[in-house]
Amino acid sequence: MVLALFIDDEKALLDSVKTAASLNNINLVTAQSWDDGIALVHVLAPDIVFADYNLPGSRHGLMLLLEIKRLRPSVKVWLVSAYLNDEDLSQIMELGVIDGAMKKLDPMATMEKLFELIRNTNSDAATGTDWVAFADAVVKFNDSQQDKLEAFDALLTNRLGSGP
């Protein structure tokens, strides 16, 4: 069974998603901060990670997901945000750091989308590891991509008026 990690600072949303996941036989753990999320990646090695973009008191979700990809290149990473628009999400996808991005809408819609993506990951896991894709992911992230990511992250941070 696939293990999913959801990192978000909204405790009520995390609690609801965790409870519903348990009732739906979905293996999901949650974290409220960057540090807790990274610790769980180290300890549990999840198959898919969802991270909120705006995590107060820490760096933003893009940098968190990049760090997770570097720690475990085969993990699928998804950015979740209530603040970013479709153009922002499209530009983030073009950077090639994440596997997907989704808007965090109402709690039920967010939960349904998370569960759908986790179930799809369960289906993908049944086919085994694509070692060529894994090796490609390991070498995919270079300094140039990180510079672009950091510049875009700074632009978004300034526009949203929130600091890391």
Protein backbone atom coordinates (compact mmCIF):
# COMPACT_ATOMS: atom_id res chain seq x y z
CA MET A 1 0.00 0.00 0.00
CA VAL A 2 1.24 3.45 -0.94
CA LEU A 3 2.08 5.91 1.83
CA ALA A 4 1.08 9.55 1.33
CA LEU A 5 2.25 12.62 3.27
CA PHE A 6 0.25 15.86 3.42
CA ILE A 7 2.08 18.94 4.75
CA ASP A 8 -0.13 21.91 5.57
CA ASP A 9 -0.36 24.44 8.37
CA GLU A 10 -4.17 24.22 8.63
CA LYS A 11 -4.66 21.79 11.50
CA ALA A 12 -8.43 21.44 10.96
CA LEU A 13 -7.90 20.46 7.31
CA LEU A 14 -5.14 17.99 8.24
CA ASP A 15 -7.31 16.40 10.92
CA SER A 16 -10.28 16.05 8.55
CA VAL A 17 -8.16 14.58 5.75
CA LYS A 18 -6.42 12.17 8.13
CA THR A 19 -9.72 10.93 9.57
CA ALA A 20 -11.32 10.51 6.15
CA ALA A 21 -8.21 8.72 4.84
CA SER A 22 -8.41 6.25 7.71
CA LEU A 23 -12.09 5.59 7.00
CA ASN A 24 -11.28 5.04 3.30
CA ASN A 25 -8.33 2.70 3.94
CA ILE A 26 -5.83 5.25 2.62
CA ASN A 27 -2.39 5.25 4.23
CA LEU A 28 -1.78 8.96 4.94
CA VAL A 29 0.31 10.84 7.48
CA THR A 30 0.30 14.57 8.07
CA ALA A 31 2.69 17.30 9.15
CA GLN A 32 2.09 20.95 10.00
CA SER A 33 5.52 22.33 9.18
CA TRP A 34 8.48 22.07 6.84
CA ASP A 35 10.67 20.50 9.53
CA ASP A 36 8.08 17.90 10.53
CA GLY A 37 7.46 17.05 6.87
CA ILE A 38 11.16 16.54 6.11
CA ALA A 39 11.53 14.40 9.25
CA LEU A 40 8.67 12.16 8.08
CA VAL A 41 10.23 11.85 4.62
CA HIS A 42 13.44 10.63 6.26
CA VAL A 43 11.70 8.19 8.58
CA LEU A 44 8.77 6.91 6.49
CA ALA A 45 9.88 7.38 2.85
CA PRO A 46 6.40 8.21 1.48
CA ASP A 47 5.49 7.47 -2.13
CA ILE A 48 3.63 10.75 -2.69
CA VAL A 49 3.90 14.09 -0.89
CA PHE A 50 1.49 17.01 -0.98
CA ALA A 51 2.75 20.32 0.41
CA ASP A 52 1.01 23.63 0.87
CA TYR A 53 2.83 26.51 -0.81
CA ASN A 54 2.40 28.99 2.03
CA LEU A 55 3.84 27.47 5.19
CA PRO A 56 4.24 30.31 7.71
CA GLY A 57 7.44 30.30 9.71
CA SER A 58 9.40 28.31 7.13
CA ARG A 59 10.49 28.31 3.53
CA HIS A 60 7.77 27.93 0.96
CA GLY A 61 6.43 24.72 -0.51
CA LEU A 62 8.44 24.87 -3.74
CA MET A 63 11.71 24.67 -1.86
CA LEU A 64 10.31 21.96 0.42
CA LEU A 65 9.29 19.84 -2.56
CA LEU A 66 12.66 20.36 -4.22
CA GLU A 67 14.38 19.20 -1.04
CA ILE A 68 12.12 16.15 -0.86
CA LYS A 69 12.88 15.30 -4.52
CA ARG A 70 16.58 15.54 -3.77
CA LEU A 71 16.24 13.26 -0.76
CA ARG A 72 14.10 10.73 -2.60
CA PRO A 73 13.92 11.33 -6.37
CA SER A 74 11.28 8.65 -7.01
CA VAL A 75 8.66 10.27 -4.76
CA LYS A 76 5.80 12.07 -6.47
CA VAL A 77 5.45 15.63 -5.21
CA TRP A 78 2.42 17.86 -5.53
CA LEU A 79 2.11 21.53 -4.65
CA VAL A 80 -1.16 22.58 -3.02
CA SER A 81 -2.12 26.24 -2.77
CA ALA A 82 -5.06 28.50 -2.13
CA TYR A 83 -3.05 31.58 -3.15
CA LEU A 84 -1.53 30.78 -6.53
CA ASN A 85 -3.45 31.33 -9.75
CA ASP A 86 -3.56 29.10 -12.84
CA GLU A 87 -0.71 31.01 -14.52
CA ASP A 88 1.50 30.61 -11.43
CA LEU A 89 0.76 26.90 -11.28
CA SER A 90 1.53 26.52 -14.98
CA GLN A 91 4.88 28.32 -14.58
CA ILE A 92 5.74 26.13 -11.61
CA MET A 93 4.98 23.00 -13.62
CA GLU A 94 7.29 24.24 -16.42
CA LEU A 95 10.19 24.31 -13.94
CA GLY A 96 10.04 20.51 -13.90
CA VAL A 97 10.50 20.17 -10.15
CA ILE A 98 7.09 18.85 -9.22
CA ASP A 99 4.76 16.19 -10.56
CA GLY A 100 1.67 18.33 -10.22
CA ALA A 101 0.00 21.33 -8.69
CA MET A 102 -3.50 21.86 -7.47
CA LYS A 103 -5.56 24.65 -6.00
CA LYS A 104 -6.68 24.18 -2.44
CA LEU A 105 -10.35 24.96 -2.66
CA ASP A 106 -12.89 23.93 -0.07
CA PRO A 107 -11.85 21.11 2.29
CA MET A 108 -14.06 18.46 0.64
CA ALA A 109 -12.85 19.19 -2.90
CA THR A 110 -9.24 19.24 -1.70
CA MET A 111 -9.69 15.94 0.10
CA GLU A 112 -11.35 14.28 -2.90
CA LYS A 113 -8.52 15.38 -5.20
CA LEU A 114 -5.86 14.18 -2.75
CA PHE A 115 -7.53 10.78 -2.45
CA GLU A 116 -7.88 10.47 -6.23
CA LEU A 117 -4.16 11.18 -6.68
CA ILE A 118 -3.24 8.72 -3.91
CA ARG A 119 -5.39 6.01 -5.50
CA ASN A 120 -3.72 6.68 -8.86
CA THR A 121 -0.33 6.35 -7.16
CA ASN A 122 -1.53 3.01 -5.71
CA SER A 123 -2.28 1.86 -9.27
CA ASP A 124 1.11 3.05 -10.51
CA ALA A 125 2.88 1.26 -7.63
CA ALA A 126 1.47 -2.07 -8.72
CA THR A 127 3.51 -1.84 -11.93
CA GLY A 128 6.83 -1.70 -10.07
CA THR A 129 9.66 0.80 -10.11
CA ASP A 130 10.71 2.36 -13.38
CA TRP A 131 14.44 2.44 -12.69
CA VAL A 132 15.20 4.47 -15.82
CA ALA A 133 12.80 7.18 -14.67
CA PHE A 134 14.30 6.98 -11.19
CA ALA A 135 17.84 7.50 -12.55
CA ASP A 136 16.59 10.36 -14.73
CA ALA A 137 15.02 12.03 -11.70
CA VAL A 138 18.27 11.77 -9.77
CA VAL A 139 20.17 13.81 -12.36
CA LYS A 140 17.30 16.10 -13.35
CA PHE A 141 17.82 18.84 -10.80
CA ASN A 142 20.81 21.04 -11.43
CA ASP A 143 21.95 24.41 -10.10
CA SER A 144 20.40 26.29 -13.01
CA GLN A 145 16.96 24.84 -12.25
CA GLN A 146 17.35 25.64 -8.57
CA ASP A 147 18.26 29.25 -9.40
CA LYS A 148 15.12 29.57 -11.56
CA LEU A 149 13.02 28.01 -8.83
CA GLU A 150 14.40 30.32 -6.14
CA ALA A 151 13.86 33.39 -8.34
CA PHE A 152 10.25 32.40 -9.08
CA ASP A 153 9.65 31.59 -5.42
CA ALA A 154 10.95 35.04 -4.41
CA LEU A 155 8.67 36.69 -6.99
CA LEU A 156 5.63 34.84 -5.65
CA THR A 157 6.56 35.57 -2.05
CA ASN A 158 6.79 39.29 -2.77
CA ARG A 159 3.53 39.31 -4.72
CA LEU A 160 1.63 37.40 -2.06
CA GLY A 161 3.05 39.62 0.68
CA SER A 162 4.05 36.68 2.83
CA GLY A 163 7.52 36.03 4.08
CA PRO A 164 9.18 32.71 4.72
